[in-house]
C-alpha atoms as a PDB file:
ATOM      1  CA  MET A   1       9.954   9.483 -79.073  1.00  0.00           C
ATOM      2  CA  ARG A   2      13.338  11.081 -77.471  1.00  0.00           C
ATOM      3  CA  ILE A   3      13.697   9.763 -73.876  1.00  0.00           C
ATOM      4  CA  PRO A   4      13.939  13.145 -71.537  1.00  0.00           C
ATOM      5  CA  LYS A   5      17.561  13.534 -69.949  1.00  0.00           C
ATOM      6  CA  GLU A   6      19.032  14.181 -66.413  1.00  0.00           C
ATOM      7  CA  GLY A   7      18.120  17.791 -65.762  1.00  0.00           C
ATOM      8  CA  GLU A   8      15.019  18.523 -68.543  1.00  0.00           C
ATOM      9  CA  PHE A   9      11.468  19.080 -67.506  1.00  0.00           C
ATOM     10  CA  VAL A  10       8.382  17.205 -68.841  1.00  0.00           C
ATOM     11  CA  SER A  11       4.907  17.661 -68.027  1.00  0.00           C
ATOM     12  CA  ILE A  12       3.068  15.456 -66.112  1.00  0.00           C
ATOM     13  CA  GLN A  13      -1.044  14.457 -67.189  1.00  0.00           C
ATOM     14  CA  SER A  14      -3.287  12.354 -65.011  1.00  0.00           C
ATOM     15  CA  TYR A  15      -6.411  11.592 -66.957  1.00  0.00           C
ATOM     16  CA  LYS A  16      -9.414   9.170 -65.523  1.00  0.00           C
ATOM     17  CA  HIS A  17     -11.026   6.265 -67.107  1.00  0.00           C
ATOM     18  CA  ASP A  18     -12.986   8.043 -69.045  1.00  0.00           C
ATOM     19  CA  GLY A  19     -10.281   9.670 -71.112  1.00  0.00           C
ATOM     20  CA  LYS A  20     -10.506  12.770 -69.338  1.00  0.00           C
ATOM     21  CA  LEU A  21      -7.805  15.243 -68.092  1.00  0.00           C
ATOM     22  CA  HIS A  22      -8.079  15.017 -64.346  1.00  0.00           C
ATOM     23  CA  ARG A  23      -4.393  16.668 -63.460  1.00  0.00           C
ATOM     24  CA  THR A  24      -1.613  18.552 -64.942  1.00  0.00           C
ATOM     25  CA  TRP A  25       2.111  19.446 -63.422  1.00  0.00           C
ATOM     26  CA  ARG A  26       3.860  21.784 -65.760  1.00  0.00           C
ATOM     27  CA  ASP A  27       7.552  21.244 -65.047  1.00  0.00           C
ATOM     28  CA  THR A  28       8.975  17.652 -63.736  1.00  0.00           C
ATOM     29  CA  MET A  29      12.698  18.064 -63.409  1.00  0.00           C
ATOM     30  CA  VAL A  30      13.602  14.294 -64.697  1.00  0.00           C
ATOM     31  CA  LEU A  31      16.351  12.755 -62.199  1.00  0.00           C
ATOM     32  CA  LYS A  32      16.569   9.296 -63.923  1.00  0.00           C
ATOM     33  CA  THR A  33      15.071   7.410 -66.589  1.00  0.00           C
ATOM     34  CA  SER A  34      15.556   3.690 -67.550  1.00  0.00           C
ATOM     35  CA  GLU A  35      13.518   1.529 -69.710  1.00  0.00           C
ATOM     36  CA  TYR A  36      10.868   1.048 -67.097  1.00  0.00           C
ATOM     37  CA  SER A  37      11.101   4.032 -65.058  1.00  0.00           C
ATOM     38  CA  MET A  38      11.195   7.523 -64.238  1.00  0.00           C
ATOM     39  CA  ILE A  39      12.452   9.476 -61.510  1.00  0.00           C
ATOM     40  CA  GLY A  40      11.967  13.311 -61.398  1.00  0.00           C
ATOM     41  CA  VAL A  41      11.247  15.951 -58.560  1.00  0.00           C
ATOM     42  CA  ASN A  42       8.010  18.789 -58.393  1.00  0.00           C
ATOM     43  CA  ASP A  43       9.188  21.918 -56.425  1.00  0.00           C
ATOM     44  CA  HIS A  44       7.221  24.720 -56.461  1.00  0.00           C
ATOM     45  CA  THR A  45       5.780  23.363 -59.651  1.00  0.00           C
ATOM     46  CA  LEU A  46       2.418  25.134 -61.170  1.00  0.00           C
ATOM     47  CA  VAL A  47      -0.518  22.301 -60.674  1.00  0.00           C
ATOM     48  CA  THR A  48      -3.773  22.517 -62.590  1.00  0.00           C
ATOM     49  CA  GLU A  49      -7.219  21.052 -62.051  1.00  0.00           C
ATOM     50  CA  SER A  50      -9.125  19.478 -64.398  1.00  0.00           C
ATOM     51  CA  ASP A  51     -11.930  22.684 -63.159  1.00  0.00           C
ATOM     52  CA  GLY A  52      -9.108  24.819 -64.448  1.00  0.00           C
ATOM     53  CA  ARG A  53      -8.008  25.784 -60.689  1.00  0.00           C
ATOM     54  CA  ARG A  54      -4.224  26.500 -60.205  1.00  0.00           C
ATOM     55  CA  TRP A  55      -2.170  25.951 -57.300  1.00  0.00           C
ATOM     56  CA  VAL A  56       1.331  25.303 -56.686  1.00  0.00           C
ATOM     57  CA  THR A  57       3.473  22.217 -54.818  1.00  0.00           C
ATOM     58  CA  ARG A  58       4.825  23.832 -51.723  1.00  0.00           C
ATOM     59  CA  GLU A  59       7.923  21.541 -51.124  1.00  0.00           C
ATOM     60  CA  PRO A  60      10.003  18.912 -53.055  1.00  0.00           C
ATOM     61  CA  ALA A  61       8.669  15.987 -53.903  1.00  0.00           C
ATOM     62  CA  ILE A  62      10.332  13.353 -55.633  1.00  0.00           C
ATOM     63  CA  VAL A  63       8.173  11.293 -57.706  1.00  0.00           C
ATOM     64  CA  TYR A  64       8.459   7.333 -58.797  1.00  0.00           C
ATOM     65  CA  PHE A  65       6.687   6.215 -62.042  1.00  0.00           C
ATOM     66  CA  HIS A  66       6.843   2.775 -63.716  1.00  0.00           C
ATOM     67  CA  LYS A  67       5.969   0.735 -66.728  1.00  0.00           C
ATOM     68  CA  LYS A  68       5.069  -2.158 -65.080  1.00  0.00           C
ATOM     69  CA  TYR A  69       3.780  -1.080 -61.854  1.00  0.00           C
ATOM     70  CA  TRP A  70      -0.254  -0.013 -61.550  1.00  0.00           C
ATOM     71  CA  PHE A  71       0.977   2.604 -59.134  1.00  0.00           C
ATOM     72  CA  ASN A  72       3.362   5.870 -58.656  1.00  0.00           C
ATOM     73  CA  ILE A  73       4.708   7.413 -55.835  1.00  0.00           C
ATOM     74  CA  ILE A  74       5.236  11.068 -54.500  1.00  0.00           C
ATOM     75  CA  ALA A  75       7.853  11.438 -51.432  1.00  0.00           C
ATOM     76  CA  MET A  76       6.950  15.226 -50.226  1.00  0.00           C
ATOM     77  CA  ILE A  77      10.012  16.415 -48.296  1.00  0.00           C
ATOM     78  CA  ARG A  78       8.476  18.178 -45.319  1.00  0.00           C
ATOM     79  CA  GLU A  79      10.138  19.814 -42.261  1.00  0.00           C
ATOM     80  CA  LYS A  80       8.416  16.689 -39.890  1.00  0.00           C
ATOM     81  CA  GLY A  81       9.947  14.055 -42.407  1.00  0.00           C
ATOM     82  CA  VAL A  82       9.201  12.642 -45.362  1.00  0.00           C
ATOM     83  CA  SER A  83       5.386  11.678 -46.184  1.00  0.00           C
ATOM     84  CA  TYR A  84       4.371   9.269 -49.020  1.00  0.00           C
ATOM     85  CA  TYR A  85       1.506   9.364 -51.623  1.00  0.00           C
ATOM     86  CA  CYS A  86       0.909   6.661 -54.030  1.00  0.00           C
ATOM     87  CA  ASN A  87      -1.502   6.698 -56.818  1.00  0.00           C
ATOM     88  CA  LEU A  88      -2.993   3.411 -57.825  1.00  0.00           C
ATOM     89  CA  ALA A  89      -2.652   4.174 -61.867  1.00  0.00           C
ATOM     90  CA  SER A  90      -2.137   2.753 -64.483  1.00  0.00           C
ATOM     91  CA  PRO A  91       1.410   2.361 -66.053  1.00  0.00           C
ATOM     92  CA  PHE A  92       2.806   5.441 -67.482  1.00  0.00           C
ATOM     93  CA  LEU A  93       3.407   6.414 -71.368  1.00  0.00           C
ATOM     94  CA  LEU A  94       5.841   9.212 -72.541  1.00  0.00           C
ATOM     95  CA  ASP A  95       4.877  10.856 -75.701  1.00  0.00           C
ATOM     96  CA  GLU A  96       6.372  14.349 -77.055  1.00  0.00           C
ATOM     97  CA  GLU A  97       3.417  16.176 -75.172  1.00  0.00           C
ATOM     98  CA  ALA A  98       3.977  14.345 -71.507  1.00  0.00           C
ATOM     99  CA  LEU A  99       4.013  11.502 -69.304  1.00  0.00           C
ATOM    100  CA  LYS A 100       0.532  10.151 -69.126  1.00  0.00           C
ATOM    101  CA  TYR A 101      -1.338   7.904 -66.747  1.00  0.00           C
ATOM    102  CA  ILE A 102      -4.759   7.042 -65.655  1.00  0.00           C
ATOM    103  CA  ASP A 103      -5.414   7.929 -62.250  1.00  0.00           C
ATOM    104  CA  TYR A 104      -7.831   4.593 -60.636  1.00  0.00           C
ATOM    105  CA  ASP A 105      -8.567   7.317 -57.702  1.00  0.00           C
ATOM    106  CA  LEU A 106      -7.768   5.063 -54.701  1.00  0.00           C
ATOM    107  CA  ASP A 107      -4.484   6.063 -52.798  1.00  0.00           C
ATOM    108  CA  ILE A 108      -2.045   5.182 -49.911  1.00  0.00           C
ATOM    109  CA  LYS A 109      -0.956   8.080 -47.623  1.00  0.00           C
ATOM    110  CA  VAL A 110       1.964   6.973 -45.657  1.00  0.00           C
ATOM    111  CA  PHE A 111       3.231   9.588 -43.067  1.00  0.00           C
ATOM    112  CA  PRO A 112       6.633  10.513 -41.300  1.00  0.00           C
ATOM    113  CA  ASP A 113       5.609   7.963 -38.456  1.00  0.00           C
ATOM    114  CA  GLY A 114       4.914   4.501 -40.586  1.00  0.00           C
ATOM    115  CA  GLU A 115       1.238   4.844 -40.469  1.00  0.00           C
ATOM    116  CA  LYS A 116      -0.677   4.168 -43.698  1.00  0.00           C
ATOM    117  CA  ARG A 117      -3.927   4.969 -44.513  1.00  0.00           C
ATOM    118  CA  LEU A 118      -5.861   3.763 -47.968  1.00  0.00           C
ATOM    119  CA  LEU A 119      -7.609   6.605 -49.277  1.00  0.00           C
ATOM    120  CA  ASP A 120     -10.935   7.213 -51.761  1.00  0.00           C
ATOM    121  CA  VAL A 121     -12.097   3.623 -51.788  1.00  0.00           C
ATOM    122  CA  ASP A 122     -15.528   5.424 -51.901  1.00  0.00           C
ATOM    123  CA  GLU A 123     -14.568   7.246 -54.872  1.00  0.00           C
ATOM    124  CA  TYR A 124     -13.250   4.003 -56.559  1.00  0.00           C
ATOM    125  CA  GLU A 125     -16.190   2.373 -55.930  1.00  0.00           C
ATOM    126  CA  LEU A 126     -18.331   5.070 -57.469  1.00  0.00           C
ATOM    127  CA  HIS A 127     -15.881   5.743 -60.632  1.00  0.00           C
ATOM    128  CA  SER A 128     -15.757   1.898 -60.787  1.00  0.00           C
ATOM    129  CA  LYS A 129     -19.215   2.164 -61.340  1.00  0.00           C
ATOM    130  CA  ILE A 130     -20.102   4.985 -63.345  1.00  0.00           C
ATOM    131  CA  MET A 131     -17.124   4.362 -65.997  1.00  0.00           C
ATOM    132  CA  HIS A 132     -17.198   0.427 -65.711  1.00  0.00           C
ATOM    133  CA  TYR A 133     -13.805  -0.491 -64.711  1.00  0.00           C
ATOM    134  CA  PRO A 134     -13.128  -3.937 -66.224  1.00  0.00           C
ATOM    135  CA  GLN A 135     -13.049  -6.530 -63.862  1.00  0.00           C
ATOM    136  CA  ASP A 136      -9.472  -7.559 -64.993  1.00  0.00           C
ATOM    137  CA  VAL A 137      -8.449  -4.031 -63.854  1.00  0.00           C
ATOM    138  CA  ASP A 138      -9.980  -4.098 -60.682  1.00  0.00           C
ATOM    139  CA  PHE A 139      -8.351  -7.448 -60.075  1.00  0.00           C
ATOM    140  CA  ILE A 140      -4.512  -5.568 -61.480  1.00  0.00           C
ATOM    141  CA  LEU A 141      -5.228  -2.336 -58.983  1.00  0.00           C
ATOM    142  CA  LYS A 142      -6.320  -4.989 -55.953  1.00  0.00           C
ATOM    143  CA  GLU A 143      -3.087  -6.762 -56.664  1.00  0.00           C
ATOM    144  CA  ASN A 144      -0.846  -3.544 -56.933  1.00  0.00           C
ATOM    145  CA  VAL A 145      -1.947  -2.516 -53.924  1.00  0.00           C
ATOM    146  CA  LYS A 146      -0.572  -5.670 -52.120  1.00  0.00           C
ATOM    147  CA  ILE A 147       2.623  -5.025 -53.713  1.00  0.00           C
ATOM    148  CA  LEU A 148       2.844  -1.524 -52.769  1.00  0.00           C
ATOM    149  CA  VAL A 149       2.169  -2.455 -49.460  1.00  0.00           C
ATOM    150  CA  ASP A 150       4.680  -4.806 -49.363  1.00  0.00           C
ATOM    151  CA  TRP A 151       7.133  -1.662 -51.008  1.00  0.00           C
ATOM    152  CA  ILE A 152       6.104   0.023 -48.284  1.00  0.00           C
ATOM    153  CA  ASN A 153       6.892  -2.615 -44.960  1.00  0.00           C
ATOM    154  CA  ASN A 154       9.901  -3.430 -46.319  1.00  0.00           C
ATOM    155  CA  SER A 155      11.373  -0.152 -47.223  1.00  0.00           C
ATOM    156  CA  LYS A 156      11.944  -1.307 -50.591  1.00  0.00           C
ATOM    157  CA  GLY A 157      12.754   1.326 -53.453  1.00  0.00           C
ATOM    158  CA  PRO A 158      11.315   4.738 -52.989  1.00  0.00           C
ATOM    159  CA  PHE A 159      10.424   3.743 -49.595  1.00  0.00           C
ATOM    160  CA  SER A 160      14.120   3.240 -48.377  1.00  0.00           C
ATOM    161  CA  ASP A 161      15.704   5.654 -46.433  1.00  0.00           C
ATOM    162  CA  SER A 162      18.649   6.366 -48.625  1.00  0.00           C
ATOM    163  CA  TYR A 163      16.138   6.701 -51.645  1.00  0.00           C
ATOM    164  CA  VAL A 164      14.830  10.205 -50.702  1.00  0.00           C
ATOM    165  CA  ASP A 165      18.478  11.472 -49.578  1.00  0.00           C
ATOM    166  CA  ILE A 166      19.958  10.211 -52.927  1.00  0.00           C
ATOM    167  CA  TRP A 167      17.942  11.937 -55.623  1.00  0.00           C
ATOM    168  CA  TYR A 168      16.787  15.105 -53.428  1.00  0.00           C
ATOM    169  CA  ASN A 169      20.589  15.705 -53.100  1.00  0.00           C
ATOM    170  CA  ARG A 170      20.861  14.851 -57.269  1.00  0.00           C
ATOM    171  CA  TYR A 171      18.418  17.334 -57.777  1.00  0.00           C
ATOM    172  CA  LYS A 172      20.128  20.463 -55.711  1.00  0.00           C
ATOM    173  CA  GLN A 173      23.119  19.567 -57.808  1.00  0.00           C
ATOM    174  CA  LEU A 174      21.269  19.563 -61.073  1.00  0.00           C
ATOM    175  CA  SER A 175      19.345  22.857 -59.524  1.00  0.00           C
ATOM    176  CA  GLN A 176      22.811  24.453 -58.975  1.00  0.00           C
ATOM    177  CA  LYS A 177      24.239  24.186 -62.659  1.00  0.00           C
END
């Protein structure tokens, strides 16, 4: 499997634990790949939901995926500041078709003023029962919520002030080529 290079585009596919396709982002520009992570950008990207509904992202968003952590992070660049949407999800896998992960319902939203909200707890509980999430997955996800909150509270990685600036500027440079 060839690793996508900076400036190339990949599709992203999110699945549910039962293997059903949940959501697809058509063209995410790759900004950086390493052995364990991928950073990309979505900007007016076509998104297709599992029910066939389609929409286009409104603002540029820097996306961060990792092969060790059970979450991915979307930094949405808006007029009022950067908002973060963090999906509790399996580590990503990259194949010929797309970057893929399993979405485990729980999300953390971080607002420009720093307020944090844990979202979709009810959906997680319901899907956990319906799809029989294993106990070890439940434990791993709850531990990764702690890691994510630590990153947010300490401005680590994608939550550092310079992260969004660096990667958004890189995107603007690549877009001009």
